[in-house]
Amino acid sequence: MGRGGHLPGARRVGHADLLTAEGRLKSHQELRAMLERAGFQPGERIIMHCDGGGRAALAALAAVQAGFTHVDVYYLSFADRAKDESCPIVKGEGA
């Protein structure tokens, strides 16, 4: 079984929170306010990740739509990273 947890320094934003009830991305104003409340700052580098990859791509799209400019997606999934015991992860809640 894989190691659970999150990357050091991670901030959690649920993928469903990025979407309207109709399944579309929220407005850029709503997305920006949500990401800023989560602790993201304009101008900082943001690296999105999730357990499989798809939700990270959605989060990156939302961040770009919200006006953040330095947005990347971790190429592999968190599950892939967690398989490597030399990669640090943080156990438990918080991200």
PDB file of N, CA and C in Angstrom:
ATOM      1  N   MET A   1       0.842  -1.184   0.000  1.00  0.00           N
ATOM      2  CA  MET A   1       0.000   0.000   0.000  1.00  0.00           C
ATOM      3  C   MET A   1       0.880   1.238   0.000  1.00  0.00           C
ATOM      4  N   GLY A   2       0.492   2.280  -0.731  1.00  0.00           N
ATOM      5  CA  GLY A   2       1.263   3.506  -0.842  1.00  0.00           C
ATOM      6  C   GLY A   2       1.227   4.348   0.423  1.00  0.00           C
ATOM      7  N   ARG A   3       2.196   5.240   0.508  1.00  0.00           N
ATOM      8  CA  ARG A   3       2.231   6.170   1.631  1.00  0.00           C
ATOM      9  C   ARG A   3       1.195   7.268   1.405  1.00  0.00           C
ATOM     10  N   GLY A   4       0.420   7.572   2.419  1.00  0.00           N
ATOM     11  CA  GLY A   4      -0.557   8.645   2.323  1.00  0.00           C
ATOM     12  C   GLY A   4       0.021   9.941   2.857  1.00  0.00           C
ATOM     13  N   GLY A   5      -0.587  11.049   2.517  1.00  0.00           N
ATOM     14  CA  GLY A   5      -0.150  12.337   3.009  1.00  0.00           C
ATOM     15  C   GLY A   5      -0.172  13.374   1.908  1.00  0.00           C
ATOM     16  N   HIS A   6       0.751  14.331   2.004  1.00  0.00           N
ATOM     17  CA  HIS A   6       0.834  15.382   0.996  1.00  0.00           C
ATOM     18  C   HIS A   6       2.261  15.900   0.924  1.00  0.00           C
ATOM     19  N   LEU A   7       2.543  16.660  -0.107  1.00  0.00           N
ATOM     20  CA  LEU A   7       3.872  17.230  -0.279  1.00  0.00           C
ATOM     21  C   LEU A   7       4.115  18.302   0.777  1.00  0.00           C
ATOM     22  N   PRO A   8       5.344  18.445   1.243  1.00  0.00           N
ATOM     23  CA  PRO A   8       5.651  19.517   2.190  1.00  0.00           C
ATOM     24  C   PRO A   8       5.279  20.885   1.597  1.00  0.00           C
ATOM     25  N   GLY A   9       4.619  21.707   2.390  1.00  0.00           N
ATOM     26  CA  GLY A   9       4.221  23.037   1.936  1.00  0.00           C
ATOM     27  C   GLY A   9       2.938  23.080   1.119  1.00  0.00           C
ATOM     28  N   ALA A  10       2.285  21.932   0.946  1.00  0.00           N
ATOM     29  CA  ALA A  10       1.074  21.890   0.130  1.00  0.00           C
ATOM     30  C   ALA A  10      -0.068  22.651   0.800  1.00  0.00           C
ATOM     31  N   ARG A  11      -0.911  23.221  -0.042  1.00  0.00           N
ATOM     32  CA  ARG A  11      -2.137  23.876   0.406  1.00  0.00           C
ATOM     33  C   ARG A  11      -3.283  23.196  -0.315  1.00  0.00           C
ATOM     34  N   ARG A  12      -4.325  22.861   0.406  1.00  0.00           N
ATOM     35  CA  ARG A  12      -5.411  22.088  -0.195  1.00  0.00           C
ATOM     36  C   ARG A  12      -6.519  22.977  -0.732  1.00  0.00           C
ATOM     37  N   VAL A  13      -6.887  22.702  -1.977  1.00  0.00           N
ATOM     38  CA  VAL A  13      -8.065  23.291  -2.601  1.00  0.00           C
ATOM     39  C   VAL A  13      -8.784  22.127  -3.276  1.00  0.00           C
ATOM     40  N   GLY A  14      -9.988  21.853  -2.839  1.00  0.00           N
ATOM     41  CA  GLY A  14     -10.747  20.746  -3.418  1.00  0.00           C
ATOM     42  C   GLY A  14     -11.163  21.028  -4.850  1.00  0.00           C
ATOM     43  N   HIS A  15     -11.008  20.038  -5.716  1.00  0.00           N
ATOM     44  CA  HIS A  15     -11.320  20.261  -7.132  1.00  0.00           C
ATOM     45  C   HIS A  15     -12.793  20.610  -7.338  1.00  0.00           C
ATOM     46  N   ALA A  16     -13.679  20.043  -6.558  1.00  0.00           N
ATOM     47  CA  ALA A  16     -15.105  20.348  -6.706  1.00  0.00           C
ATOM     48  C   ALA A  16     -15.402  21.800  -6.347  1.00  0.00           C
ATOM     49  N   ASP A  17     -14.595  22.391  -5.478  1.00  0.00           N
ATOM     50  CA  ASP A  17     -14.783  23.793  -5.092  1.00  0.00           C
ATOM     51  C   ASP A  17     -14.464  24.749  -6.223  1.00  0.00           C
ATOM     52  N   LEU A  18     -13.757  24.284  -7.236  1.00  0.00           N
ATOM     53  CA  LEU A  18     -13.395  25.128  -8.375  1.00  0.00           C
ATOM     54  C   LEU A  18     -14.530  25.260  -9.387  1.00  0.00           C
ATOM     55  N   LEU A  19     -15.541  24.425  -9.236  1.00  0.00           N
ATOM     56  CA  LEU A  19     -16.600  24.315 -10.239  1.00  0.00           C
ATOM     57  C   LEU A  19     -17.938  24.841  -9.750  1.00  0.00           C
ATOM     58  N   THR A  20     -18.747  25.325 -10.693  1.00  0.00           N
ATOM     59  CA  THR A  20     -20.124  25.707 -10.393  1.00  0.00           C
ATOM     60  C   THR A  20     -20.965  24.444 -10.273  1.00  0.00           C
ATOM     61  N   ALA A  21     -22.206  24.605  -9.889  1.00  0.00           N
ATOM     62  CA  ALA A  21     -23.131  23.466  -9.801  1.00  0.00           C
ATOM     63  C   ALA A  21     -23.327  22.801 -11.162  1.00  0.00           C
ATOM     64  N   GLU A  22     -23.107  23.565 -12.229  1.00  0.00           N
ATOM     65  CA  GLU A  22     -23.256  23.029 -13.587  1.00  0.00           C
ATOM     66  C   GLU A  22     -21.995  22.339 -14.087  1.00  0.00           C
ATOM     67  N   GLY A  23     -20.929  22.351 -13.289  1.00  0.00           N
ATOM     68  CA  GLY A  23     -19.699  21.678 -13.678  1.00  0.00           C
ATOM     69  C   GLY A  23     -18.740  22.538 -14.482  1.00  0.00           C
ATOM     70  N   ARG A  24     -18.935  23.831 -14.485  1.00  0.00           N
ATOM     71  CA  ARG A  24     -18.042  24.760 -15.191  1.00  0.00           C
ATOM     72  C   ARG A  24     -17.146  25.451 -14.176  1.00  0.00           C
ATOM     73  N   LEU A  25     -15.982  25.936 -14.652  1.00  0.00           N
ATOM     74  CA  LEU A  25     -15.112  26.690 -13.753  1.00  0.00           C
ATOM     75  C   LEU A  25     -15.838  27.924 -13.239  1.00  0.00           C
ATOM     76  N   LYS A  26     -15.628  28.232 -11.974  1.00  0.00           N
ATOM     77  CA  LYS A  26     -16.184  29.449 -11.404  1.00  0.00           C
ATOM     78  C   LYS A  26     -15.536  30.660 -12.074  1.00  0.00           C
ATOM     79  N   SER A  27     -16.061  31.837 -11.799  1.00  0.00           N
ATOM     80  CA  SER A  27     -15.529  33.056 -12.406  1.00  0.00           C
ATOM     81  C   SER A  27     -14.097  33.296 -11.940  1.00  0.00           C
ATOM     82  N   HIS A  28     -13.352  34.065 -12.730  1.00  0.00           N
ATOM     83  CA  HIS A  28     -11.962  34.310 -12.347  1.00  0.00           C
ATOM     84  C   HIS A  28     -11.881  35.040 -11.007  1.00  0.00           C
ATOM     85  N   GLN A  29     -12.857  35.887 -10.682  1.00  0.00           N
ATOM     86  CA  GLN A  29     -12.855  36.576  -9.398  1.00  0.00           C
ATOM     87  C   GLN A  29     -13.053  35.588  -8.246  1.00  0.00           C
ATOM     88  N   GLU A  30     -13.991  34.662  -8.400  1.00  0.00           N
ATOM     89  CA  GLU A  30     -14.240  33.658  -7.362  1.00  0.00           C
ATOM     90  C   GLU A  30     -13.021  32.755  -7.180  1.00  0.00           C
ATOM     91  N   LEU A  31     -12.422  32.341  -8.298  1.00  0.00           N
ATOM     92  CA  LEU A  31     -11.257  31.464  -8.223  1.00  0.00           C
ATOM     93  C   LEU A  31     -10.088  32.169  -7.552  1.00  0.00           C
ATOM     94  N   ARG A  32      -9.848  33.410  -7.925  1.00  0.00           N
ATOM     95  CA  ARG A  32      -8.730  34.152  -7.334  1.00  0.00           C
ATOM     96  C   ARG A  32      -8.933  34.316  -5.833  1.00  0.00           C
ATOM     97  N   ALA A  33     -10.136  34.694  -5.413  1.00  0.00           N
ATOM     98  CA  ALA A  33     -10.417  34.859  -3.988  1.00  0.00           C
ATOM     99  C   ALA A  33     -10.217  33.541  -3.237  1.00  0.00           C
ATOM    100  N   MET A  34     -10.675  32.436  -3.810  1.00  0.00           N
ATOM    101  CA  MET A  34     -10.531  31.129  -3.184  1.00  0.00           C
ATOM    102  C   MET A  34      -9.053  30.743  -3.042  1.00  0.00           C
ATOM    103  N   LEU A  35      -8.288  30.947  -4.100  1.00  0.00           N
ATOM    104  CA  LEU A  35      -6.869  30.579  -4.056  1.00  0.00           C
ATOM    105  C   LEU A  35      -6.087  31.484  -3.103  1.00  0.00           C
ATOM    106  N   GLU A  36      -6.431  32.742  -3.061  1.00  0.00           N
ATOM    107  CA  GLU A  36      -5.767  33.639  -2.112  1.00  0.00           C
ATOM    108  C   GLU A  36      -6.120  33.269  -0.674  1.00  0.00           C
ATOM    109  N   ARG A  37      -7.374  32.896  -0.411  1.00  0.00           N
ATOM    110  CA  ARG A  37      -7.757  32.435   0.933  1.00  0.00           C
ATOM    111  C   ARG A  37      -6.976  31.189   1.330  1.00  0.00           C
ATOM    112  N   ALA A  38      -6.652  30.344   0.344  1.00  0.00           N
ATOM    113  CA  ALA A  38      -5.884  29.117   0.616  1.00  0.00           C
ATOM    114  C   ALA A  38      -4.407  29.412   0.839  1.00  0.00           C
ATOM    115  N   GLY A  39      -3.987  30.665   0.597  1.00  0.00           N
ATOM    116  CA  GLY A  39      -2.606  31.049   0.852  1.00  0.00           C
ATOM    117  C   GLY A  39      -1.735  31.260  -0.365  1.00  0.00           C
ATOM    118  N   PHE A  40      -2.307  31.148  -1.559  1.00  0.00           N
ATOM    119  CA  PHE A  40      -1.531  31.395  -2.771  1.00  0.00           C
ATOM    120  C   PHE A  40      -1.380  32.891  -2.972  1.00  0.00           C
ATOM    121  N   GLN A  41      -0.195  33.322  -3.379  1.00  0.00           N
ATOM    122  CA  GLN A  41       0.098  34.738  -3.567  1.00  0.00           C
ATOM    123  C   GLN A  41       0.424  35.011  -5.036  1.00  0.00           C
ATOM    124  N   PRO A  42      -0.076  36.144  -5.566  1.00  0.00           N
ATOM    125  CA  PRO A  42       0.275  36.512  -6.939  1.00  0.00           C
ATOM    126  C   PRO A  42       1.794  36.597  -7.090  1.00  0.00           C
ATOM    127  N   GLY A  43       2.290  36.077  -8.197  1.00  0.00           N
ATOM    128  CA  GLY A  43       3.718  36.135  -8.483  1.00  0.00           C
ATOM    129  C   GLY A  43       4.520  34.951  -7.983  1.00  0.00           C
ATOM    130  N   GLU A  44       3.981  34.175  -7.032  1.00  0.00           N
ATOM    131  CA  GLU A  44       4.726  33.012  -6.553  1.00  0.00           C
ATOM    132  C   GLU A  44       4.540  31.837  -7.509  1.00  0.00           C
ATOM    133  N   ARG A  45       5.492  30.932  -7.488  1.00  0.00           N
ATOM    134  CA  ARG A  45       5.382  29.722  -8.307  1.00  0.00           C
ATOM    135  C   ARG A  45       4.423  28.758  -7.615  1.00  0.00           C
ATOM    136  N   ILE A  46       3.485  28.243  -8.384  1.00  0.00           N
ATOM    137  CA  ILE A  46       2.493  27.298  -7.885  1.00  0.00           C
ATOM    138  C   ILE A  46       2.673  25.998  -8.641  1.00  0.00           C
ATOM    139  N   ILE A  47       2.782  24.905  -7.907  1.00  0.00           N
ATOM    140  CA  ILE A  47       2.883  23.578  -8.516  1.00  0.00           C
ATOM    141  C   ILE A  47       1.697  22.759  -8.035  1.00  0.00           C
ATOM    142  N   MET A  48       0.843  22.381  -8.947  1.00  0.00           N
ATOM    143  CA  MET A  48      -0.345  21.599  -8.605  1.00  0.00           C
ATOM    144  C   MET A  48      -0.009  20.118  -8.630  1.00  0.00           C
ATOM    145  N   HIS A  49      -0.623  19.376  -7.701  1.00  0.00           N
ATOM    146  CA  HIS A  49      -0.495  17.921  -7.729  1.00  0.00           C
ATOM    147  C   HIS A  49      -1.755  17.306  -7.174  1.00  0.00           C
ATOM    148  N   CYS A  50      -1.983  16.065  -7.521  1.00  0.00           N
ATOM    149  CA  CYS A  50      -3.090  15.289  -6.972  1.00  0.00           C
ATOM    150  C   CYS A  50      -2.663  13.827  -7.003  1.00  0.00           C
ATOM    151  N   ASP A  51      -3.555  12.948  -6.633  1.00  0.00           N
ATOM    152  CA  ASP A  51      -3.177  11.541  -6.536  1.00  0.00           C
ATOM    153  C   ASP A  51      -2.988  10.890  -7.900  1.00  0.00           C
ATOM    154  N   GLY A  52      -3.691  11.374  -8.921  1.00  0.00           N
ATOM    155  CA  GLY A  52      -3.583  10.737 -10.220  1.00  0.00           C
ATOM    156  C   GLY A  52      -3.166  11.634 -11.363  1.00  0.00           C
ATOM    157  N   GLY A  53      -3.419  12.926 -11.282  1.00  0.00           N
ATOM    158  CA  GLY A  53      -3.000  13.861 -12.322  1.00  0.00           C
ATOM    159  C   GLY A  53      -4.109  14.717 -12.900  1.00  0.00           C
ATOM    160  N   GLY A  54      -5.306  14.192 -13.054  1.00  0.00           N
ATOM    161  CA  GLY A  54      -6.391  14.926 -13.691  1.00  0.00           C
ATOM    162  C   GLY A  54      -6.861  16.132 -12.905  1.00  0.00           C
ATOM    163  N   ARG A  55      -7.009  15.981 -11.607  1.00  0.00           N
ATOM    164  CA  ARG A  55      -7.474  17.108 -10.788  1.00  0.00           C
ATOM    165  C   ARG A  55      -6.421  18.203 -10.710  1.00  0.00           C
ATOM    166  N   ALA A  56      -5.148  17.834 -10.778  1.00  0.00           N
ATOM    167  CA  ALA A  56      -4.079  18.837 -10.781  1.00  0.00           C
ATOM    168  C   ALA A  56      -4.153  19.693 -12.041  1.00  0.00           C
ATOM    169  N   ALA A  57      -4.476  19.086 -13.167  1.00  0.00           N
ATOM    170  CA  ALA A  57      -4.614  19.836 -14.411  1.00  0.00           C
ATOM    171  C   ALA A  57      -5.783  20.818 -14.313  1.00  0.00           C
ATOM    172  N   LEU A  58      -6.892  20.389 -13.720  1.00  0.00           N
ATOM    173  CA  LEU A  58      -8.037  21.269 -13.516  1.00  0.00           C
ATOM    174  C   LEU A  58      -7.657  22.433 -12.609  1.00  0.00           C
ATOM    175  N   ALA A  59      -6.945  22.150 -11.527  1.00  0.00           N
ATOM    176  CA  ALA A  59      -6.526  23.202 -10.595  1.00  0.00           C
ATOM    177  C   ALA A  59      -5.578  24.195 -11.268  1.00  0.00           C
ATOM    178  N   ALA A  60      -4.682  23.701 -12.113  1.00  0.00           N
ATOM    179  CA  ALA A  60      -3.767  24.591 -12.830  1.00  0.00           C
ATOM    180  C   ALA A  60      -4.544  25.496 -13.786  1.00  0.00           C
ATOM    181  N   LEU A  61      -5.503  24.940 -14.492  1.00  0.00           N
ATOM    182  CA  LEU A  61      -6.340  25.734 -15.388  1.00  0.00           C
ATOM    183  C   LEU A  61      -7.075  26.815 -14.587  1.00  0.00           C
ATOM    184  N   ALA A  62      -7.605  26.447 -13.433  1.00  0.00           N
ATOM    185  CA  ALA A  62      -8.318  27.413 -12.591  1.00  0.00           C
ATOM    186  C   ALA A  62      -7.381  28.522 -12.121  1.00  0.00           C
ATOM    187  N   ALA A  63      -6.157  28.173 -11.742  1.00  0.00           N
ATOM    188  CA  ALA A  63      -5.201  29.180 -11.277  1.00  0.00           C
ATOM    189  C   ALA A  63      -4.835  30.146 -12.402  1.00  0.00           C
ATOM    190  N   VAL A  64      -4.639  29.627 -13.590  1.00  0.00           N
ATOM    191  CA  VAL A  64      -4.338  30.490 -14.737  1.00  0.00           C
ATOM    192  C   VAL A  64      -5.545  31.381 -15.040  1.00  0.00           C
ATOM    193  N   GLN A  65      -6.722  30.812 -15.015  1.00  0.00           N
ATOM    194  CA  GLN A  65      -7.954  31.589 -15.239  1.00  0.00           C
ATOM    195  C   GLN A  65      -8.086  32.701 -14.197  1.00  0.00           C
ATOM    196  N   ALA A  66      -7.611  32.437 -12.972  1.00  0.00           N
ATOM    197  CA  ALA A  66      -7.693  33.414 -11.881  1.00  0.00           C
ATOM    198  C   ALA A  66      -6.614  34.483 -11.975  1.00  0.00           C
ATOM    199  N   GLY A  67      -5.696  34.354 -12.936  1.00  0.00           N
ATOM    200  CA  GLY A  67      -4.680  35.370 -13.149  1.00  0.00           C
ATOM    201  C   GLY A  67      -3.310  35.060 -12.580  1.00  0.00           C
ATOM    202  N   PHE A  68      -3.124  33.860 -12.024  1.00  0.00           N
ATOM    203  CA  PHE A  68      -1.795  33.472 -11.551  1.00  0.00           C
ATOM    204  C   PHE A  68      -0.958  33.105 -12.772  1.00  0.00           C
ATOM    205  N   THR A  69       0.312  33.507 -12.767  1.00  0.00           N
ATOM    206  CA  THR A  69       1.117  33.375 -13.985  1.00  0.00           C
ATOM    207  C   THR A  69       2.193  32.306 -13.928  1.00  0.00           C
ATOM    208  N   HIS A  70       2.618  31.894 -12.759  1.00  0.00           N
ATOM    209  CA  HIS A  70       3.693  30.906 -12.620  1.00  0.00           C
ATOM    210  C   HIS A  70       3.092  29.597 -12.116  1.00  0.00           C
ATOM    211  N   VAL A  71       2.369  28.916 -12.982  1.00  0.00           N
ATOM    212  CA  VAL A  71       1.615  27.720 -12.594  1.00  0.00           C
ATOM    213  C   VAL A  71       2.155  26.512 -13.345  1.00  0.00           C
ATOM    214  N   ASP A  72       2.473  25.463 -12.611  1.00  0.00           N
ATOM    215  CA  ASP A  72       2.939  24.211 -13.199  1.00  0.00           C
ATOM    216  C   ASP A  72       2.133  23.054 -12.616  1.00  0.00           C
ATOM    217  N   VAL A  73       2.197  21.915 -13.287  1.00  0.00           N
ATOM    218  CA  VAL A  73       1.585  20.688 -12.792  1.00  0.00           C
ATOM    219  C   VAL A  73       2.697  19.673 -12.582  1.00  0.00           C
ATOM    220  N   TYR A  74       2.736  19.068 -11.407  1.00  0.00           N
ATOM    221  CA  TYR A  74       3.709  18.011 -11.137  1.00  0.00           C
ATOM    222  C   TYR A  74       3.431  16.887 -12.126  1.00  0.00           C
ATOM    223  N   TYR A  75       4.412  16.564 -12.954  1.00  0.00           N
ATOM    224  CA  TYR A  75       4.217  15.640 -14.071  1.00  0.00           C
ATOM    225  C   TYR A  75       3.697  14.271 -13.624  1.00  0.00           C
ATOM    226  N   LEU A  76       4.294  13.738 -12.587  1.00  0.00           N
ATOM    227  CA  LEU A  76       3.821  12.459 -12.064  1.00  0.00           C
ATOM    228  C   LEU A  76       2.732  12.718 -11.024  1.00  0.00           C
ATOM    229  N   SER A  77       2.080  11.691 -10.587  1.00  0.00           N
ATOM    230  CA  SER A  77       1.060  11.853  -9.563  1.00  0.00           C
ATOM    231  C   SER A  77       1.686  11.772  -8.176  1.00  0.00           C
ATOM    232  N   PHE A  78       0.918  12.181  -7.177  1.00  0.00           N
ATOM    233  CA  PHE A  78       1.385  12.037  -5.807  1.00  0.00           C
ATOM    234  C   PHE A  78       1.636  10.562  -5.503  1.00  0.00           C
ATOM    235  N   ALA A  79       0.791   9.691  -6.019  1.00  0.00           N
ATOM    236  CA  ALA A  79       0.964   8.256  -5.772  1.00  0.00           C
ATOM    237  C   ALA A  79       2.323   7.783  -6.292  1.00  0.00           C
ATOM    238  N   ASP A  80       2.745   8.284  -7.445  1.00  0.00           N
ATOM    239  CA  ASP A  80       4.056   7.917  -7.988  1.00  0.00           C
ATOM    240  C   ASP A  80       5.179   8.428  -7.094  1.00  0.00           C
ATOM    241  N   ARG A  81       5.053   9.684  -6.649  1.00  0.00           N
ATOM    242  CA  ARG A  81       6.073  10.267  -5.780  1.00  0.00           C
ATOM    243  C   ARG A  81       6.160   9.496  -4.464  1.00  0.00           C
ATOM    244  N   ALA A  82       5.028   9.144  -3.902  1.00  0.00           N
ATOM    245  CA  ALA A  82       5.006   8.473  -2.604  1.00  0.00           C
ATOM    246  C   ALA A  82       5.648   7.084  -2.655  1.00  0.00           C
ATOM    247  N   LYS A  83       5.719   6.480  -3.827  1.00  0.00           N
ATOM    248  CA  LYS A  83       6.375   5.173  -3.963  1.00  0.00           C
ATOM    249  C   LYS A  83       7.870   5.259  -3.691  1.00  0.00           C
ATOM    250  N   ASP A  84       8.452   6.436  -3.920  1.00  0.00           N
ATOM    251  CA  ASP A  84       9.883   6.643  -3.714  1.00  0.00           C
ATOM    252  C   ASP A  84      10.110   7.070  -2.265  1.00  0.00           C
ATOM    253  N   GLU A  85      10.603   6.172  -1.456  1.00  0.00           N
ATOM    254  CA  GLU A  85      10.796   6.424  -0.027  1.00  0.00           C
ATOM    255  C   GLU A  85      11.748   7.586   0.249  1.00  0.00           C
ATOM    256  N   SER A  86      12.566   7.978  -0.733  1.00  0.00           N
ATOM    257  CA  SER A  86      13.489   9.088  -0.507  1.00  0.00           C
ATOM    258  C   SER A  86      12.811  10.449  -0.665  1.00  0.00           C
ATOM    259  N   CYS A  87      11.602  10.475  -1.213  1.00  0.00           N
ATOM    260  CA  CYS A  87      10.863  11.740  -1.395  1.00  0.00           C
ATOM    261  C   CYS A  87      10.086  12.065  -0.127  1.00  0.00           C
ATOM    262  N   PRO A  88      10.289  13.248   0.422  1.00  0.00           N
ATOM    263  CA  PRO A  88       9.575  13.599   1.652  1.00  0.00           C
ATOM    264  C   PRO A  88       8.085  13.837   1.406  1.00  0.00           C
ATOM    265  N   ILE A  89       7.273  13.359   2.337  1.00  0.00           N
ATOM    266  CA  ILE A  89       5.843  13.651   2.365  1.00  0.00           C
ATOM    267  C   ILE A  89       5.470  13.951   3.804  1.00  0.00           C
ATOM    268  N   VAL A  90       4.347  14.614   3.965  1.00  0.00           N
ATOM    269  CA  VAL A  90       3.821  14.944   5.283  1.00  0.00           C
ATOM    270  C   VAL A  90       2.591  14.082   5.515  1.00  0.00           C
ATOM    271  N   LYS A  91       2.570  13.366   6.638  1.00  0.00           N
ATOM    272  CA  LYS A  91       1.433  12.488   6.945  1.00  0.00           C
ATOM    273  C   LYS A  91       0.297  13.300   7.546  1.00  0.00           C
ATOM    274  N   GLY A  92      -0.911  12.809   7.332  1.00  0.00           N
ATOM    275  CA  GLY A  92      -2.067  13.375   7.997  1.00  0.00           C
ATOM    276  C   GLY A  92      -2.713  14.522   7.244  1.00  0.00           C
ATOM    277  N   GLU A  93      -3.619  15.199   7.943  1.00  0.00           N
ATOM    278  CA  GLU A  93      -4.395  16.308   7.376  1.00  0.00           C
ATOM    279  C   GLU A  93      -3.550  17.565   7.281  1.00  0.00           C
ATOM    280  N   GLY A  94      -4.113  18.546   6.625  1.00  0.00           N
ATOM    281  CA  GLY A  94      -3.437  19.824   6.567  1.00  0.00           C
ATOM    282  C   GLY A  94      -3.332  20.391   5.171  1.00  0.00           C
ATOM    283  N   ALA A  95      -3.243  19.546   4.190  1.00  0.00           N
ATOM    284  CA  ALA A  95      -3.142  20.072   2.820  1.00  0.00           C
ATOM    285  C   ALA A  95      -4.478  19.928   2.140  1.00  0.00           C
TER     286      ALA A  95
END
